Amino acid sequence: MNAIRVDASVLDRFTTSPIKLIGKVVHHDSRTAQVESNGKVTVNLASERDEDLQNGYFYEFVGKVKDDGSVQEFSRTSMGNALDERALKVLVQQVHAHSELFY
């Protein structure tokens, strides 16, 4: 599946496309995760299995933006707890500045 890399700053532009979002989980429960990704994003978890989520860790969420601005998760991958948030912001900016290369 081709998915567009986003963060909170551009999320609302991609309501019809699959997206990839890397962010740090700040809080989670069995149904949702509050994620920091150049702004706050609510991720609706694909299942109630949240035991593998850890606050303070980064995850790449693949999903779709819902009408309310939250993300419906299809899958996720743990990225650890030592990512550079500035670099992630620049990555998303470059993807959208050079969209002909990425989508």
PDB file of N, CA and C in Angstrom:
ATOM      1  N   MET A   1       0.843  -1.172   0.000  1.00  0.00           N
ATOM      2  CA  MET A   1       0.000   0.000   0.000  1.00  0.00           C
ATOM      3  C   MET A   1       0.890   1.238   0.000  1.00  0.00           C
ATOM      4  N   ASN A   2       0.657   2.141  -0.926  1.00  0.00           N
ATOM      5  CA  ASN A   2       1.353   3.419  -0.930  1.00  0.00           C
ATOM      6  C   ASN A   2       0.669   4.342   0.051  1.00  0.00           C
ATOM      7  N   ALA A   3       1.451   4.916   0.933  1.00  0.00           N
ATOM      8  CA  ALA A   3       0.916   5.819   1.945  1.00  0.00           C
ATOM      9  C   ALA A   3       1.776   7.071   1.982  1.00  0.00           C
ATOM     10  N   ILE A   4       1.138   8.201   2.211  1.00  0.00           N
ATOM     11  CA  ILE A   4       1.812   9.498   2.233  1.00  0.00           C
ATOM     12  C   ILE A   4       2.279   9.801   3.649  1.00  0.00           C
ATOM     13  N   ARG A   5       3.543  10.213   3.783  1.00  0.00           N
ATOM     14  CA  ARG A   5       4.089  10.545   5.102  1.00  0.00           C
ATOM     15  C   ARG A   5       3.549  11.905   5.538  1.00  0.00           C
ATOM     16  N   VAL A   6       2.981  11.952   6.740  1.00  0.00           N
ATOM     17  CA  VAL A   6       2.375  13.170   7.260  1.00  0.00           C
ATOM     18  C   VAL A   6       2.759  13.368   8.717  1.00  0.00           C
ATOM     19  N   ASP A   7       2.443  14.568   9.218  1.00  0.00           N
ATOM     20  CA  ASP A   7       2.419  14.844  10.648  1.00  0.00           C
ATOM     21  C   ASP A   7       1.172  15.688  10.893  1.00  0.00           C
ATOM     22  N   ALA A   8       0.998  16.182  12.099  1.00  0.00           N
ATOM     23  CA  ALA A   8      -0.229  16.921  12.430  1.00  0.00           C
ATOM     24  C   ALA A   8      -0.422  18.158  11.560  1.00  0.00           C
ATOM     25  N   SER A   9       0.668  18.750  11.083  1.00  0.00           N
ATOM     26  CA  SER A   9       0.567  20.002  10.331  1.00  0.00           C
ATOM     27  C   SER A   9      -0.085  19.843   8.961  1.00  0.00           C
ATOM     28  N   VAL A  10      -0.066  18.653   8.386  1.00  0.00           N
ATOM     29  CA  VAL A  10      -0.635  18.437   7.048  1.00  0.00           C
ATOM     30  C   VAL A  10      -1.698  17.335   7.020  1.00  0.00           C
ATOM     31  N   LEU A  11      -2.027  16.816   8.161  1.00  0.00           N
ATOM     32  CA  LEU A  11      -2.937  15.669   8.250  1.00  0.00           C
ATOM     33  C   LEU A  11      -4.267  15.914   7.556  1.00  0.00           C
ATOM     34  N   ASP A  12      -4.832  17.093   7.714  1.00  0.00           N
ATOM     35  CA  ASP A  12      -6.172  17.370   7.175  1.00  0.00           C
ATOM     36  C   ASP A  12      -6.202  17.420   5.646  1.00  0.00           C
ATOM     37  N   ARG A  13      -5.057  17.461   5.000  1.00  0.00           N
ATOM     38  CA  ARG A  13      -5.005  17.494   3.528  1.00  0.00           C
ATOM     39  C   ARG A  13      -5.118  16.108   2.898  1.00  0.00           C
ATOM     40  N   PHE A  14      -5.120  15.062   3.714  1.00  0.00           N
ATOM     41  CA  PHE A  14      -5.027  13.708   3.170  1.00  0.00           C
ATOM     42  C   PHE A  14      -6.122  12.787   3.709  1.00  0.00           C
ATOM     43  N   THR A  15      -7.354  13.263   3.656  1.00  0.00           N
ATOM     44  CA  THR A  15      -8.471  12.485   4.188  1.00  0.00           C
ATOM     45  C   THR A  15      -8.902  11.350   3.259  1.00  0.00           C
ATOM     46  N   THR A  16      -8.410  11.308   2.050  1.00  0.00           N
ATOM     47  CA  THR A  16      -8.811  10.252   1.115  1.00  0.00           C
ATOM     48  C   THR A  16      -7.684   9.273   0.807  1.00  0.00           C
ATOM     49  N   SER A  17      -6.539   9.450   1.435  1.00  0.00           N
ATOM     50  CA  SER A  17      -5.366   8.626   1.118  1.00  0.00           C
ATOM     51  C   SER A  17      -4.866   7.898   2.357  1.00  0.00           C
ATOM     52  N   PRO A  18      -4.271   6.727   2.167  1.00  0.00           N
ATOM     53  CA  PRO A  18      -3.577   6.090   3.286  1.00  0.00           C
ATOM     54  C   PRO A  18      -2.402   6.981   3.705  1.00  0.00           C
ATOM     55  N   ILE A  19      -2.125   7.014   4.999  1.00  0.00           N
ATOM     56  CA  ILE A  19      -1.048   7.871   5.504  1.00  0.00           C
ATOM     57  C   ILE A  19      -0.106   7.070   6.398  1.00  0.00           C
ATOM     58  N   LYS A  20       1.119   7.608   6.549  1.00  0.00           N
ATOM     59  CA  LYS A  20       2.103   7.118   7.514  1.00  0.00           C
ATOM     60  C   LYS A  20       2.430   8.285   8.429  1.00  0.00           C
ATOM     61  N   LEU A  21       2.358   8.047   9.725  1.00  0.00           N
ATOM     62  CA  LEU A  21       2.591   9.089  10.710  1.00  0.00           C
ATOM     63  C   LEU A  21       3.545   8.549  11.761  1.00  0.00           C
ATOM     64  N   ILE A  22       4.685   9.199  11.946  1.00  0.00           N
ATOM     65  CA  ILE A  22       5.593   8.832  13.035  1.00  0.00           C
ATOM     66  C   ILE A  22       5.378   9.836  14.147  1.00  0.00           C
ATOM     67  N   GLY A  23       5.131   9.323  15.352  1.00  0.00           N
ATOM     68  CA  GLY A  23       4.924  10.211  16.486  1.00  0.00           C
ATOM     69  C   GLY A  23       5.208   9.514  17.796  1.00  0.00           C
ATOM     70  N   LYS A  24       5.344  10.339  18.836  1.00  0.00           N
ATOM     71  CA  LYS A  24       5.611   9.844  20.183  1.00  0.00           C
ATOM     72  C   LYS A  24       4.285   9.708  20.932  1.00  0.00           C
ATOM     73  N   VAL A  25       4.049   8.536  21.499  1.00  0.00           N
ATOM     74  CA  VAL A  25       2.838   8.315  22.292  1.00  0.00           C
ATOM     75  C   VAL A  25       2.996   9.034  23.628  1.00  0.00           C
ATOM     76  N   VAL A  26       2.047   9.944  23.913  1.00  0.00           N
ATOM     77  CA  VAL A  26       2.070  10.645  25.193  1.00  0.00           C
ATOM     78  C   VAL A  26       1.072  10.050  26.176  1.00  0.00           C
ATOM     79  N   HIS A  27       0.040   9.403  25.667  1.00  0.00           N
ATOM     80  CA  HIS A  27      -0.959   8.741  26.521  1.00  0.00           C
ATOM     81  C   HIS A  27      -1.722   7.749  25.654  1.00  0.00           C
ATOM     82  N   HIS A  28      -2.115   6.649  26.269  1.00  0.00           N
ATOM     83  CA  HIS A  28      -2.939   5.689  25.532  1.00  0.00           C
ATOM     84  C   HIS A  28      -3.851   4.938  26.484  1.00  0.00           C
ATOM     85  N   ASP A  29      -4.943   4.452  25.916  1.00  0.00           N
ATOM     86  CA  ASP A  29      -5.820   3.532  26.628  1.00  0.00           C
ATOM     87  C   ASP A  29      -6.126   2.388  25.667  1.00  0.00           C
ATOM     88  N   SER A  30      -7.131   1.602  25.942  1.00  0.00           N
ATOM     89  CA  SER A  30      -7.371   0.419  25.122  1.00  0.00           C
ATOM     90  C   SER A  30      -7.902   0.735  23.726  1.00  0.00           C
ATOM     91  N   ARG A  31      -8.371   1.960  23.495  1.00  0.00           N
ATOM     92  CA  ARG A  31      -8.966   2.291  22.203  1.00  0.00           C
ATOM     93  C   ARG A  31      -8.238   3.375  21.424  1.00  0.00           C
ATOM     94  N   THR A  32      -7.553   4.279  22.124  1.00  0.00           N
ATOM     95  CA  THR A  32      -6.911   5.406  21.442  1.00  0.00           C
ATOM     96  C   THR A  32      -5.515   5.662  21.993  1.00  0.00           C
ATOM     97  N   ALA A  33      -4.721   6.344  21.170  1.00  0.00           N
ATOM     98  CA  ALA A  33      -3.403   6.827  21.593  1.00  0.00           C
ATOM     99  C   ALA A  33      -3.336   8.309  21.255  1.00  0.00           C
ATOM    100  N   GLN A  34      -2.851   9.098  22.195  1.00  0.00           N
ATOM    101  CA  GLN A  34      -2.583  10.507  21.954  1.00  0.00           C
ATOM    102  C   GLN A  34      -1.117  10.589  21.551  1.00  0.00           C
ATOM    103  N   VAL A  35      -0.872  11.122  20.362  1.00  0.00           N
ATOM    104  CA  VAL A  35       0.456  11.091  19.756  1.00  0.00           C
ATOM    105  C   VAL A  35       0.910  12.518  19.467  1.00  0.00           C
ATOM    106  N   GLU A  36       2.187  12.791  19.733  1.00  0.00           N
ATOM    107  CA  GLU A  36       2.804  14.071  19.384  1.00  0.00           C
ATOM    108  C   GLU A  36       3.586  13.868  18.087  1.00  0.00           C
ATOM    109  N   SER A  37       3.147  14.600  17.045  1.00  0.00           N
ATOM    110  CA  SER A  37       3.801  14.513  15.738  1.00  0.00           C
ATOM    111  C   SER A  37       3.725  15.892  15.091  1.00  0.00           C
ATOM    112  N   ASN A  38       4.576  16.820  15.580  1.00  0.00           N
ATOM    113  CA  ASN A  38       4.519  18.214  15.145  1.00  0.00           C
ATOM    114  C   ASN A  38       3.122  18.780  15.420  1.00  0.00           C
ATOM    115  N   GLY A  39       2.555  18.369  16.544  1.00  0.00           N
ATOM    116  CA  GLY A  39       1.204  18.707  16.973  1.00  0.00           C
ATOM    117  C   GLY A  39       0.537  17.449  17.498  1.00  0.00           C
ATOM    118  N   LYS A  40      -0.598  17.613  18.124  1.00  0.00           N
ATOM    119  CA  LYS A  40      -1.312  16.476  18.718  1.00  0.00           C
ATOM    120  C   LYS A  40      -2.171  15.755  17.683  1.00  0.00           C
ATOM    121  N   VAL A  41      -2.147  14.424  17.741  1.00  0.00           N
ATOM    122  CA  VAL A  41      -2.964  13.582  16.868  1.00  0.00           C
ATOM    123  C   VAL A  41      -3.573  12.476  17.727  1.00  0.00           C
ATOM    124  N   THR A  42      -4.855  12.207  17.518  1.00  0.00           N
ATOM    125  CA  THR A  42      -5.499  11.074  18.158  1.00  0.00           C
ATOM    126  C   THR A  42      -5.512   9.915  17.173  1.00  0.00           C
ATOM    127  N   VAL A  43      -5.008   8.767  17.620  1.00  0.00           N
ATOM    128  CA  VAL A  43      -4.997   7.564  16.792  1.00  0.00           C
ATOM    129  C   VAL A  43      -5.975   6.573  17.395  1.00  0.00           C
ATOM    130  N   ASN A  44      -6.951   6.148  16.598  1.00  0.00           N
ATOM    131  CA  ASN A  44      -7.895   5.111  17.004  1.00  0.00           C
ATOM    132  C   ASN A  44      -7.248   3.775  16.707  1.00  0.00           C
ATOM    133  N   LEU A  45      -6.994   2.997  17.744  1.00  0.00           N
ATOM    134  CA  LEU A  45      -6.234   1.755  17.600  1.00  0.00           C
ATOM    135  C   LEU A  45      -7.046   0.686  16.880  1.00  0.00           C
ATOM    136  N   ALA A  46      -6.356  -0.138  16.104  1.00  0.00           N
ATOM    137  CA  ALA A  46      -7.008  -1.165  15.299  1.00  0.00           C
ATOM    138  C   ALA A  46      -7.653  -2.244  16.157  1.00  0.00           C
ATOM    139  N   SER A  47      -7.121  -2.465  17.341  1.00  0.00           N
ATOM    140  CA  SER A  47      -7.692  -3.450  18.256  1.00  0.00           C
ATOM    141  C   SER A  47      -7.507  -2.940  19.671  1.00  0.00           C
ATOM    142  N   GLU A  48      -8.061  -3.638  20.606  1.00  0.00           N
ATOM    143  CA  GLU A  48      -7.930  -3.233  22.004  1.00  0.00           C
ATOM    144  C   GLU A  48      -6.638  -3.754  22.627  1.00  0.00           C
ATOM    145  N   ARG A  49      -5.742  -4.270  21.799  1.00  0.00           N
ATOM    146  CA  ARG A  49      -4.455  -4.759  22.295  1.00  0.00           C
ATOM    147  C   ARG A  49      -3.466  -3.593  22.348  1.00  0.00           C
ATOM    148  N   ASP A  50      -3.482  -2.855  23.441  1.00  0.00           N
ATOM    149  CA  ASP A  50      -2.585  -1.706  23.572  1.00  0.00           C
ATOM    150  C   ASP A  50      -1.379  -2.032  24.442  1.00  0.00           C
ATOM    151  N   GLU A  51      -1.252  -3.276  24.870  1.00  0.00           N
ATOM    152  CA  GLU A  51      -0.190  -3.616  25.818  1.00  0.00           C
ATOM    153  C   GLU A  51       1.205  -3.404  25.240  1.00  0.00           C
ATOM    154  N   ASP A  52       1.339  -3.393  23.925  1.00  0.00           N
ATOM    155  CA  ASP A  52       2.660  -3.176  23.341  1.00  0.00           C
ATOM    156  C   ASP A  52       2.984  -1.698  23.154  1.00  0.00           C
ATOM    157  N   LEU A  53       2.030  -0.803  23.386  1.00  0.00           N
ATOM    158  CA  LEU A  53       2.305   0.638  23.320  1.00  0.00           C
ATOM    159  C   LEU A  53       2.950   1.098  24.619  1.00  0.00           C
ATOM    160  N   GLN A  54       3.932   1.986  24.492  1.00  0.00           N
ATOM    161  CA  GLN A  54       4.577   2.552  25.673  1.00  0.00           C
ATOM    162  C   GLN A  54       4.611   4.066  25.533  1.00  0.00           C
ATOM    163  N   ASN A  55       4.180   4.757  26.572  1.00  0.00           N
ATOM    164  CA  ASN A  55       4.284   6.215  26.578  1.00  0.00           C
ATOM    165  C   ASN A  55       5.752   6.605  26.453  1.00  0.00           C
ATOM    166  N   GLY A  56       6.013   7.654  25.668  1.00  0.00           N
ATOM    167  CA  GLY A  56       7.383   8.124  25.475  1.00  0.00           C
ATOM    168  C   GLY A  56       8.119   7.438  24.337  1.00  0.00           C
ATOM    169  N   TYR A  57       7.491   6.450  23.696  1.00  0.00           N
ATOM    170  CA  TYR A  57       8.099   5.750  22.568  1.00  0.00           C
ATOM    171  C   TYR A  57       7.481   6.236  21.262  1.00  0.00           C
ATOM    172  N   PHE A  58       8.287   6.161  20.205  1.00  0.00           N
ATOM    173  CA  PHE A  58       7.842   6.540  18.869  1.00  0.00           C
ATOM    174  C   PHE A  58       7.309   5.311  18.138  1.00  0.00           C
ATOM    175  N   TYR A  59       6.264   5.545  17.344  1.00  0.00           N
ATOM    176  CA  TYR A  59       5.672   4.497  16.514  1.00  0.00           C
ATOM    177  C   TYR A  59       5.381   5.088  15.150  1.00  0.00           C
ATOM    178  N   GLU A  60       5.470   4.241  14.126  1.00  0.00           N
ATOM    179  CA  GLU A  60       4.972   4.633  12.824  1.00  0.00           C
ATOM    180  C   GLU A  60       3.591   4.003  12.688  1.00  0.00           C
ATOM    181  N   PHE A  61       2.585   4.854  12.550  1.00  0.00           N
ATOM    182  CA  PHE A  61       1.209   4.407  12.370  1.00  0.00           C
ATOM    183  C   PHE A  61       0.865   4.508  10.897  1.00  0.00           C
ATOM    184  N   VAL A  62       0.326   3.439  10.335  1.00  0.00           N
ATOM    185  CA  VAL A  62      -0.214   3.460   8.985  1.00  0.00           C
ATOM    186  C   VAL A  62      -1.721   3.411   9.147  1.00  0.00           C
ATOM    187  N   GLY A  63      -2.416   4.332   8.468  1.00  0.00           N
ATOM    188  CA  GLY A  63      -3.857   4.379   8.629  1.00  0.00           C
ATOM    189  C   GLY A  63      -4.511   5.331   7.662  1.00  0.00           C
ATOM    190  N   LYS A  64      -5.680   5.807   8.071  1.00  0.00           N
ATOM    191  CA  LYS A  64      -6.473   6.723   7.251  1.00  0.00           C
ATOM    192  C   LYS A  64      -7.033   7.803   8.153  1.00  0.00           C
ATOM    193  N   VAL A  65      -7.070   9.031   7.647  1.00  0.00           N
ATOM    194  CA  VAL A  65      -7.614  10.158   8.406  1.00  0.00           C
ATOM    195  C   VAL A  65      -9.142  10.088   8.349  1.00  0.00           C
ATOM    196  N   LYS A  66      -9.753  10.153   9.522  1.00  0.00           N
ATOM    197  CA  LYS A  66     -11.214  10.132   9.608  1.00  0.00           C
ATOM    198  C   LYS A  66     -11.757  11.559   9.506  1.00  0.00           C
ATOM    199  N   ASP A  67     -13.063  11.676   9.320  1.00  0.00           N
ATOM    200  CA  ASP A  67     -13.704  12.986   9.174  1.00  0.00           C
ATOM    201  C   ASP A  67     -13.461  13.899  10.371  1.00  0.00           C
ATOM    202  N   ASP A  68     -13.297  13.322  11.569  1.00  0.00           N
ATOM    203  CA  ASP A  68     -13.092  14.135  12.772  1.00  0.00           C
ATOM    204  C   ASP A  68     -11.632  14.546  12.972  1.00  0.00           C
ATOM    205  N   GLY A  69     -10.751  14.179  12.024  1.00  0.00           N
ATOM    206  CA  GLY A  69      -9.339  14.554  12.107  1.00  0.00           C
ATOM    207  C   GLY A  69      -8.468  13.544  12.828  1.00  0.00           C
ATOM    208  N   SER A  70      -9.069  12.523  13.407  1.00  0.00           N
ATOM    209  CA  SER A  70      -8.277  11.466  14.034  1.00  0.00           C
ATOM    210  C   SER A  70      -7.805  10.493  12.961  1.00  0.00           C
ATOM    211  N   VAL A  71      -6.921   9.592  13.345  1.00  0.00           N
ATOM    212  CA  VAL A  71      -6.380   8.597  12.421  1.00  0.00           C
ATOM    213  C   VAL A  71      -6.882   7.220  12.831  1.00  0.00           C
ATOM    214  N   GLN A  72      -7.438   6.481  11.885  1.00  0.00           N
ATOM    215  CA  GLN A  72      -7.798   5.084  12.119  1.00  0.00           C
ATOM    216  C   GLN A  72      -6.596   4.227  11.764  1.00  0.00           C
ATOM    217  N   GLU A  73      -6.054   3.556  12.752  1.00  0.00           N
ATOM    218  CA  GLU A  73      -4.854   2.744  12.565  1.00  0.00           C
ATOM    219  C   GLU A  73      -5.169   1.468  11.789  1.00  0.00           C
ATOM    220  N   PHE A  74      -4.301   1.167  10.806  1.00  0.00           N
ATOM    221  CA  PHE A  74      -4.318  -0.131  10.133  1.00  0.00           C
ATOM    222  C   PHE A  74      -3.218  -1.018  10.717  1.00  0.00           C
ATOM    223  N   SER A  75      -2.044  -0.394  10.960  1.00  0.00           N
ATOM    224  CA  SER A  75      -0.907  -1.127  11.530  1.00  0.00           C
ATOM    225  C   SER A  75       0.020  -0.129  12.204  1.00  0.00           C
ATOM    226  N   ARG A  76       0.962  -0.653  12.980  1.00  0.00           N
ATOM    227  CA  ARG A  76       1.964   0.213  13.622  1.00  0.00           C
ATOM    228  C   ARG A  76       3.256  -0.559  13.817  1.00  0.00           C
ATOM    229  N   THR A  77       4.340   0.215  13.852  1.00  0.00           N
ATOM    230  CA  THR A  77       5.675  -0.335  14.067  1.00  0.00           C
ATOM    231  C   THR A  77       6.366   0.495  15.128  1.00  0.00           C
ATOM    232  N   SER A  78       6.940  -0.154  16.109  1.00  0.00           N
ATOM    233  CA  SER A  78       7.695   0.560  17.138  1.00  0.00           C
ATOM    234  C   SER A  78       8.987   1.089  16.542  1.00  0.00           C
ATOM    235  N   MET A  79       9.302   2.345  16.873  1.00  0.00           N
ATOM    236  CA  MET A  79      10.518   2.981  16.377  1.00  0.00           C
ATOM    237  C   MET A  79      11.484   3.302  17.532  1.00  0.00           C
ATOM    238  N   GLY A  80      11.189   2.827  18.739  1.00  0.00           N
ATOM    239  CA  GLY A  80      12.062   3.071  19.886  1.00  0.00           C
ATOM    240  C   GLY A  80      11.777   4.404  20.558  1.00  0.00           C
ATOM    241  N   ASN A  81      12.684   4.836  21.412  1.00  0.00           N
ATOM    242  CA  ASN A  81      12.453   6.073  22.163  1.00  0.00           C
ATOM    243  C   ASN A  81      13.516   7.134  21.921  1.00  0.00           C
ATOM    244  N   ALA A  82      14.311   6.998  20.856  1.00  0.00           N
ATOM    245  CA  ALA A  82      15.427   7.919  20.651  1.00  0.00           C
ATOM    246  C   ALA A  82      15.419   8.541  19.256  1.00  0.00           C
ATOM    247  N   LEU A  83      14.258   8.931  18.758  1.00  0.00           N
ATOM    248  CA  LEU A  83      14.219   9.612  17.461  1.00  0.00           C
ATOM    249  C   LEU A  83      14.334  11.118  17.662  1.00  0.00           C
ATOM    250  N   ASP A  84      14.858  11.789  16.664  1.00  0.00           N
ATOM    251  CA  ASP A  84      15.014  13.238  16.686  1.00  0.00           C
ATOM    252  C   ASP A  84      13.735  13.871  16.122  1.00  0.00           C
ATOM    253  N   GLU A  85      12.954  14.510  16.973  1.00  0.00           N
ATOM    254  CA  GLU A  85      11.684  15.091  16.538  1.00  0.00           C
ATOM    255  C   GLU A  85      11.871  16.195  15.501  1.00  0.00           C
ATOM    256  N   ARG A  86      12.957  16.948  15.595  1.00  0.00           N
ATOM    257  CA  ARG A  86      13.236  17.971  14.571  1.00  0.00           C
ATOM    258  C   ARG A  86      13.472  17.331  13.214  1.00  0.00           C
ATOM    259  N   ALA A  87      14.203  16.230  13.195  1.00  0.00           N
ATOM    260  CA  ALA A  87      14.472  15.536  11.929  1.00  0.00           C
ATOM    261  C   ALA A  87      13.177  14.985  11.332  1.00  0.00           C
ATOM    262  N   LEU A  88      12.278  14.490  12.158  1.00  0.00           N
ATOM    263  CA  LEU A  88      10.995  13.990  11.658  1.00  0.00           C
ATOM    264  C   LEU A  88      10.183  15.123  11.023  1.00  0.00           C
ATOM    265  N   LYS A  89      10.209  16.294  11.658  1.00  0.00           N
ATOM    266  CA  LYS A  89       9.496  17.454  11.114  1.00  0.00           C
ATOM    267  C   LYS A  89      10.067  17.841   9.749  1.00  0.00           C
ATOM    268  N   VAL A  90      11.392  17.869   9.642  1.00  0.00           N
ATOM    269  CA  VAL A  90      12.045  18.209   8.374  1.00  0.00           C
ATOM    270  C   VAL A  90      11.739  17.147   7.314  1.00  0.00           C
ATOM    271  N   LEU A  91      11.725  15.892   7.697  1.00  0.00           N
ATOM    272  CA  LEU A  91      11.397  14.822   6.757  1.00  0.00           C
ATOM    273  C   LEU A  91      10.031  15.056   6.124  1.00  0.00           C
ATOM    274  N   VAL A  92       9.025  15.340   6.930  1.00  0.00           N
ATOM    275  CA  VAL A  92       7.680  15.577   6.396  1.00  0.00           C
ATOM    276  C   VAL A  92       7.677  16.826   5.517  1.00  0.00           C
ATOM    277  N   GLN A  93       8.359  17.885   5.941  1.00  0.00           N
ATOM    278  CA  GLN A  93       8.422  19.101   5.122  1.00  0.00           C
ATOM    279  C   GLN A  93       9.034  18.809   3.757  1.00  0.00           C
ATOM    280  N   GLN A  94      10.094  18.027   3.731  1.00  0.00           N
ATOM    281  CA  GLN A  94      10.767  17.720   2.462  1.00  0.00           C
ATOM    282  C   GLN A  94       9.915  16.820   1.570  1.00  0.00           C
ATOM    283  N   VAL A  95       9.212  15.877   2.165  1.00  0.00           N
ATOM    284  CA  VAL A  95       8.318  15.019   1.382  1.00  0.00           C
ATOM    285  C   VAL A  95       7.296  15.875   0.644  1.00  0.00           C
ATOM    286  N   HIS A  96       6.747  16.880   1.311  1.00  0.00           N
ATOM    287  CA  HIS A  96       5.706  17.687   0.699  1.00  0.00           C
ATOM    288  C   HIS A  96       6.272  18.808  -0.179  1.00  0.00           C
ATOM    289  N   ALA A  97       7.503  19.234   0.084  1.00  0.00           N
ATOM    290  CA  ALA A  97       8.152  20.225  -0.782  1.00  0.00           C
ATOM    291  C   ALA A  97       8.570  19.604  -2.110  1.00  0.00           C
ATOM    292  N   HIS A  98       8.803  18.301  -2.114  1.00  0.00           N
ATOM    293  CA  HIS A  98       9.260  17.599  -3.311  1.00  0.00           C
ATOM    294  C   HIS A  98       8.318  16.431  -3.591  1.00  0.00           C
ATOM    295  N   SER A  99       7.056  16.744  -3.663  1.00  0.00           N
ATOM    296  CA  SER A  99       6.032  15.700  -3.798  1.00  0.00           C
ATOM    297  C   SER A  99       6.205  14.849  -5.050  1.00  0.00           C
ATOM    298  N   GLU A 100       6.817  15.388  -6.089  1.00  0.00           N
ATOM    299  CA  GLU A 100       7.014  14.605  -7.317  1.00  0.00           C
ATOM    300  C   GLU A 100       7.930  13.401  -7.067  1.00  0.00           C
ATOM    301  N   LEU A 101       8.737  13.455  -6.020  1.00  0.00           N
ATOM    302  CA  LEU A 101       9.612  12.334  -5.699  1.00  0.00           C
ATOM    303  C   LEU A 101       8.937  11.294  -4.809  1.00  0.00           C
ATOM    304  N   PHE A 102       7.929  11.728  -4.040  1.00  0.00           N
ATOM    305  CA  PHE A 102       7.387  10.862  -3.001  1.00  0.00           C
ATOM    306  C   PHE A 102       5.964  10.398  -3.231  1.00  0.00           C
ATOM    307  N   TYR A 103       5.188  11.134  -4.027  1.00  0.00           N
ATOM    308  CA  TYR A 103       3.809  10.691  -4.319  1.00  0.00           C
ATOM    309  C   TYR A 103       3.278  11.360  -5.554  1.00  0.00           C
TER     310      TYR A 103
END
